Amino acid sequence: MELQWLGVWDYSTFPKIKPAKINLSLFGRLRHKASVYVAKVQYDIYVIYKFVTCSRFAATQADEGADMIKAVIFDMDGTLIDTERLDMRAWKVGAAELGITIDDALIHQFIGRSNADVKDILEAHYGKGETADAIFARNIELHTEMAKTDLELKAGAAECLDELLAAGYHVGLATSSRRVAAERNLKTVGLFDKFETVTFGEDVAYGKPDPAIYLLACERAGFAPEECAVVEDSRNGCVSGITAGCHVFAVPDIVPLPQDVADGCEAVLDTLFDLAAAVKAVR
């Protein structure tokens, strides 16, 4: 028996194996069926693997030479728009106004998370009550005001979208932000009309790192996960894309990726200027 790697693999941990019902269509490049298992390990990463007697995780010969990726699905915050630094400023200004201490380590936990998840993190840190409610509400107010004048595109954002569209790729969006905020921000920087499909935080029950948002984004794009690339900046977003079965291209922003997550990505890039060529290189 050999262990065949299908998703994210943490080399330092071999967890207790528990069978789970997995949609095998997520792994359409496998040569044959096998028992598939899932477990949770370090960093809450979902590890997907199977026991097989032979074969490798690879494209069939019929796929060789063909473009494997048909759609490219982008995260927004920290990937296309430099909202993470703006949000850090909003958290710190709001906390100072309220006489509350908030440090970078706590703010870093919010990156790539939905508003509901952020609220849960705040309540776990400050306790349920007025403090968590007040700082959360003030951040929303400050972020909204700052976004009217201080939004900036990440390097290469507009250029890579144009290049991918010109090359015939489907271009989609999958953001943890709610529709009202995402649409406002994307229109402010002139990107909203470039997306052929859009998926927002409120469209799924569970936020990143759960794979639900990327599975839905692939469905809306009309392609199987293995035909889709995901572009992300954060650990939570990368894990979401990897466990959905997509090709993940990371462009890290504020917080470096853990090595085990970086190892699960198709590529880790310096800027979005490098993205189109990296996507085209996947065969």
Protein backbone atom coordinates (compact mmCIF):
# COMPACT_ATOMS: atom_id res chain seq x y z
CA MET A 1 0.00 0.00 0.00
CA GLU A 2 1.17 3.52 -0.66
CA LEU A 3 -0.19 6.83 0.61
CA GLN A 4 -1.21 9.08 -2.25
CA TRP A 5 -1.36 12.83 -1.61
CA LEU A 6 -4.46 14.57 -2.95
CA GLY A 7 -4.71 17.82 -1.06
CA VAL A 8 -2.72 19.58 1.64
CA TRP A 9 -0.29 17.32 3.45
CA ASP A 10 1.32 18.10 6.78
CA TYR A 11 4.54 16.10 6.80
CA SER A 12 4.98 16.33 10.55
CA THR A 13 1.64 14.79 11.48
CA PHE A 14 -0.03 11.51 10.61
CA PRO A 15 -3.51 11.89 12.11
CA LYS A 16 -5.99 9.20 12.96
CA ILE A 17 -7.69 8.28 9.71
CA LYS A 18 -11.43 8.74 9.56
CA PRO A 19 -13.41 7.86 6.43
CA ALA A 20 -15.52 10.65 4.97
CA LYS A 21 -17.84 11.03 2.05
CA ILE A 22 -15.86 12.97 -0.54
CA ASN A 23 -17.12 14.04 -3.94
CA LEU A 24 -14.67 12.16 -6.18
CA SER A 25 -15.44 14.57 -9.03
CA LEU A 26 -13.19 17.01 -7.16
CA PHE A 27 -10.30 14.74 -8.07
CA GLY A 28 -11.16 14.13 -11.71
CA ARG A 29 -7.54 13.66 -12.73
CA LEU A 30 -7.17 10.40 -10.81
CA ARG A 31 -6.74 7.29 -12.92
CA HIS A 32 -9.09 5.11 -10.90
CA LYS A 33 -11.38 5.06 -7.90
CA ALA A 34 -10.06 4.44 -4.43
CA SER A 35 -10.99 4.87 -0.78
CA VAL A 36 -10.63 8.55 0.08
CA TYR A 37 -10.17 9.86 3.61
CA VAL A 38 -10.11 13.27 5.22
CA ALA A 39 -8.70 14.51 8.51
CA LYS A 40 -7.94 17.78 10.23
CA VAL A 41 -4.41 18.56 11.35
CA GLN A 42 -2.24 21.48 12.33
CA TYR A 43 -3.54 24.98 11.41
CA ASP A 44 -7.02 23.41 10.87
CA ILE A 45 -5.89 22.35 7.41
CA TYR A 46 -7.97 19.61 5.89
CA VAL A 47 -5.76 16.78 4.66
CA ILE A 48 -7.21 14.69 1.85
CA TYR A 49 -5.49 11.48 0.91
CA LYS A 50 -6.19 7.92 -0.16
CA PHE A 51 -4.66 4.47 -0.05
CA VAL A 52 -3.82 2.99 -3.41
CA THR A 53 -1.79 0.08 -4.68
CA CYS A 54 -0.40 1.85 -7.71
CA SER A 55 -0.59 4.93 -9.99
CA ARG A 56 0.26 8.56 -9.35
CA PHE A 57 -1.69 11.79 -8.95
CA ALA A 58 -1.24 13.16 -12.46
CA ALA A 59 -3.04 14.14 -15.60
CA THR A 60 -3.74 11.39 -18.08
CA GLN A 61 -1.79 11.34 -21.31
CA ALA A 62 -4.86 12.65 -23.12
CA ASP A 63 -4.61 15.84 -21.06
CA GLU A 64 -0.93 16.44 -21.75
CA GLY A 65 -0.29 19.51 -23.86
CA ALA A 66 -3.78 20.92 -23.28
CA ASP A 67 -4.62 23.89 -21.11
CA MET A 68 -5.73 22.32 -17.86
CA ILE A 69 -7.02 25.58 -16.35
CA LYS A 70 -10.15 27.09 -17.86
CA ALA A 71 -11.16 29.60 -15.17
CA VAL A 72 -9.29 31.86 -12.76
CA ILE A 73 -11.10 32.83 -9.55
CA PHE A 74 -9.75 35.71 -7.47
CA ASP A 75 -9.95 36.61 -3.84
CA MET A 76 -10.37 40.38 -3.37
CA ASP A 77 -9.02 41.68 -0.06
CA GLY A 78 -5.22 41.67 -0.01
CA THR A 79 -5.10 39.98 -3.42
CA LEU A 80 -6.57 42.53 -5.85
CA ILE A 81 -7.10 45.49 -3.53
CA ASP A 82 -4.80 46.59 -0.70
CA THR A 83 -7.59 46.55 1.88
CA GLU A 84 -5.71 44.58 4.54
CA ARG A 85 -3.40 47.46 5.49
CA LEU A 86 -6.35 49.83 5.43
CA ASP A 87 -8.25 47.44 7.71
CA MET A 88 -5.32 47.20 10.12
CA ARG A 89 -5.34 50.97 10.38
CA ALA A 90 -9.10 50.99 10.98
CA TRP A 91 -8.80 48.40 13.75
CA LYS A 92 -6.05 50.35 15.52
CA VAL A 93 -7.72 53.75 15.19
CA GLY A 94 -11.04 52.37 16.38
CA ALA A 95 -9.46 50.56 19.34
CA ALA A 96 -7.56 53.69 20.37
CA GLU A 97 -10.75 55.76 20.27
CA LEU A 98 -12.42 53.23 22.58
CA GLY A 99 -9.42 52.91 24.90
CA ILE A 100 -8.94 49.25 23.93
CA THR A 101 -5.64 47.52 23.22
CA ILE A 102 -5.46 45.47 20.02
CA ASP A 103 -2.24 44.00 18.68
CA ASP A 104 -1.08 42.90 15.23
CA ALA A 105 -1.22 39.20 16.12
CA LEU A 106 -4.95 39.44 16.81
CA ILE A 107 -5.63 41.48 13.67
CA HIS A 108 -3.70 38.96 11.58
CA GLN A 109 -6.22 36.31 12.64
CA PHE A 110 -8.94 38.27 10.81
CA ILE A 111 -7.24 38.07 7.41
CA GLY A 112 -9.26 36.04 4.91
CA ARG A 113 -12.13 35.57 7.38
CA SER A 114 -15.81 36.45 7.07
CA ASN A 115 -17.35 39.12 9.31
CA ALA A 116 -19.05 36.40 11.35
CA ASP A 117 -15.73 34.66 11.95
CA VAL A 118 -14.04 37.95 12.89
CA LYS A 119 -16.78 38.62 15.44
CA ASP A 120 -16.25 35.16 16.94
CA ILE A 121 -12.49 35.78 17.21
CA LEU A 122 -13.09 39.12 18.93
CA GLU A 123 -15.50 37.53 21.40
CA ALA A 124 -13.03 34.74 22.13
CA HIS A 125 -10.36 37.37 22.89
CA TYR A 126 -12.37 40.07 24.70
CA GLY A 127 -15.35 38.03 25.85
CA LYS A 128 -18.93 38.44 24.69
CA GLY A 129 -20.28 41.85 25.49
CA GLU A 130 -19.86 45.56 24.85
CA THR A 131 -16.11 45.58 24.15
CA ALA A 132 -16.21 43.14 21.24
CA ASP A 133 -19.41 44.67 19.87
CA ALA A 134 -18.06 48.22 20.05
CA ILE A 135 -14.71 47.57 18.41
CA PHE A 136 -16.33 45.50 15.65
CA ALA A 137 -18.93 48.18 14.88
CA ARG A 138 -16.35 51.00 14.92
CA ASN A 139 -14.08 49.07 12.56
CA ILE A 140 -16.92 48.71 10.03
CA GLU A 141 -17.57 52.46 10.21
CA LEU A 142 -13.93 53.47 9.85
CA HIS A 143 -13.19 50.96 7.10
CA THR A 144 -16.16 52.21 5.09
CA GLU A 145 -15.01 55.82 5.41
CA MET A 146 -11.36 55.07 4.62
CA ALA A 147 -12.33 52.99 1.58
CA LYS A 148 -13.92 56.03 -0.06
CA THR A 149 -10.54 57.70 -0.49
CA ASP A 150 -7.70 55.31 0.42
CA LEU A 151 -8.18 52.18 -1.69
CA GLU A 152 -5.25 51.09 -3.86
CA LEU A 153 -4.86 48.22 -6.30
CA LYS A 154 -2.26 45.55 -5.67
CA ALA A 155 0.60 45.61 -8.18
CA GLY A 156 -0.44 44.00 -11.47
CA ALA A 157 -4.11 43.54 -10.53
CA ALA A 158 -5.71 45.30 -13.51
CA GLU A 159 -3.05 44.08 -15.93
CA CYS A 160 -3.38 40.39 -15.06
CA LEU A 161 -7.18 40.49 -15.27
CA ASP A 162 -6.98 42.03 -18.74
CA GLU A 163 -4.36 39.52 -19.86
CA LEU A 164 -6.38 36.52 -18.63
CA LEU A 165 -9.59 37.77 -20.24
CA ALA A 166 -7.80 38.42 -23.52
CA ALA A 167 -6.42 34.86 -23.41
CA GLY A 168 -9.94 33.45 -23.10
CA TYR A 169 -9.99 32.40 -19.45
CA HIS A 170 -13.19 32.72 -17.44
CA VAL A 171 -12.49 35.26 -14.66
CA GLY A 172 -14.44 35.04 -11.41
CA LEU A 173 -14.45 36.46 -7.90
CA ALA A 174 -14.80 34.67 -4.53
CA THR A 175 -14.48 37.05 -1.60
CA SER A 176 -15.24 36.71 2.10
CA SER A 177 -16.52 40.29 2.03
CA ARG A 178 -20.23 40.90 1.81
CA ARG A 179 -21.71 41.95 -1.51
CA VAL A 180 -22.34 45.59 -0.59
CA ALA A 181 -18.74 46.21 0.50
CA ALA A 182 -17.11 44.16 -2.27
CA GLU A 183 -19.15 45.73 -5.05
CA ARG A 184 -18.50 49.22 -3.69
CA ASN A 185 -14.74 48.66 -3.42
CA LEU A 186 -14.38 46.98 -6.81
CA LYS A 187 -16.34 49.75 -8.52
CA THR A 188 -14.20 52.35 -6.76
CA VAL A 189 -11.02 50.88 -8.27
CA GLY A 190 -12.62 50.08 -11.64
CA LEU A 191 -12.51 46.27 -11.51
CA PHE A 192 -16.09 45.17 -10.89
CA ASP A 193 -17.12 44.84 -14.54
CA LYS A 194 -14.16 42.59 -15.33
CA PHE A 195 -15.66 39.60 -13.48
CA GLU A 196 -17.91 37.16 -15.30
CA THR A 197 -19.13 35.49 -12.10
CA VAL A 198 -19.05 36.69 -8.49
CA THR A 199 -19.44 34.92 -5.14
CA PHE A 200 -19.66 36.78 -1.84
CA GLY A 201 -19.30 35.94 1.84
CA GLU A 202 -23.04 35.74 2.47
CA ASP A 203 -23.49 33.20 -0.33
CA VAL A 204 -22.11 30.33 1.79
CA ALA A 205 -22.74 29.06 5.30
CA TYR A 206 -19.06 28.69 6.19
CA GLY A 207 -16.24 31.08 5.41
CA LYS A 208 -12.64 30.40 4.42
CA PRO A 209 -10.70 28.16 5.18
CA ASP A 210 -13.77 26.00 4.52
CA PRO A 211 -13.83 25.14 0.77
CA ALA A 212 -17.53 26.04 0.33
CA ILE A 213 -16.99 29.43 -1.30
CA TYR A 214 -14.60 28.08 -3.95
CA LEU A 215 -16.78 25.06 -4.67
CA LEU A 216 -19.69 27.44 -5.28
CA ALA A 217 -17.52 29.79 -7.36
CA CYS A 218 -16.43 26.86 -9.56
CA GLU A 219 -20.06 25.80 -9.99
CA ARG A 220 -21.07 29.32 -11.00
CA ALA A 221 -18.17 29.51 -13.43
CA GLY A 222 -19.32 26.24 -14.99
CA PHE A 223 -16.08 24.33 -14.52
CA ALA A 224 -14.88 21.48 -12.31
CA PRO A 225 -12.52 22.51 -9.48
CA GLU A 226 -9.55 20.85 -11.18
CA GLU A 227 -10.14 23.15 -14.16
CA CYS A 228 -10.02 26.27 -11.98
CA ALA A 229 -7.20 28.36 -10.59
CA VAL A 230 -7.63 30.22 -7.31
CA VAL A 231 -5.62 33.37 -6.59
CA GLU A 232 -5.16 34.15 -2.91
CA ASP A 233 -2.97 36.07 -0.49
CA SER A 234 -3.79 34.49 2.87
CA ARG A 235 -3.37 31.17 4.60
CA ASN A 236 -7.12 30.82 5.09
CA GLY A 237 -7.88 31.54 1.46
CA CYS A 238 -5.21 29.17 0.16
CA VAL A 239 -6.47 26.33 2.34
CA SER A 240 -10.02 26.99 1.09
CA GLY A 241 -8.91 26.74 -2.53
CA ILE A 242 -6.66 23.72 -2.00
CA THR A 243 -9.32 21.72 -0.20
CA ALA A 244 -11.84 22.61 -2.91
CA GLY A 245 -9.55 20.81 -5.36
CA CYS A 246 -8.40 23.88 -7.30
CA HIS A 247 -4.94 24.97 -8.48
CA VAL A 248 -3.95 27.64 -5.97
CA PHE A 249 -1.62 30.51 -6.85
CA ALA A 250 -0.56 32.49 -3.80
CA VAL A 251 0.60 36.10 -3.75
CA PRO A 252 1.26 36.58 -0.02
CA ASP A 253 0.43 39.97 1.45
CA ILE A 254 0.92 40.94 5.10
CA VAL A 255 1.45 37.54 6.71
CA PRO A 256 3.80 34.93 5.15
CA LEU A 257 2.24 31.56 4.36
CA PRO A 258 3.06 28.60 6.63
CA GLN A 259 5.37 26.28 4.73
CA ASP A 260 2.89 23.40 4.66
CA VAL A 261 0.31 25.65 3.00
CA ALA A 262 2.84 27.05 0.52
CA ASP A 263 3.77 23.46 -0.38
CA GLY A 264 0.15 22.77 -1.27
CA CYS A 265 -0.03 25.67 -3.74
CA GLU A 266 0.63 25.40 -7.47
CA ALA A 267 2.97 28.39 -7.15
CA VAL A 268 3.83 31.21 -4.76
CA LEU A 269 4.33 34.44 -6.72
CA ASP A 270 5.89 37.79 -5.92
CA THR A 271 3.22 39.89 -7.68
CA LEU A 272 0.17 39.52 -9.91
CA PHE A 273 2.34 40.51 -12.87
CA ASP A 274 3.61 36.90 -12.74
CA LEU A 275 0.18 35.27 -12.63
CA ALA A 276 -0.90 34.91 -16.26
CA ALA A 277 2.30 33.16 -17.30
CA ALA A 278 2.10 30.83 -14.29
CA VAL A 279 -1.50 29.88 -15.09
CA LYS A 280 -0.69 29.22 -18.76
CA ALA A 281 2.21 26.99 -17.74
CA VAL A 282 -0.08 24.47 -16.00
CA ARG A 283 -0.67 21.52 -18.35
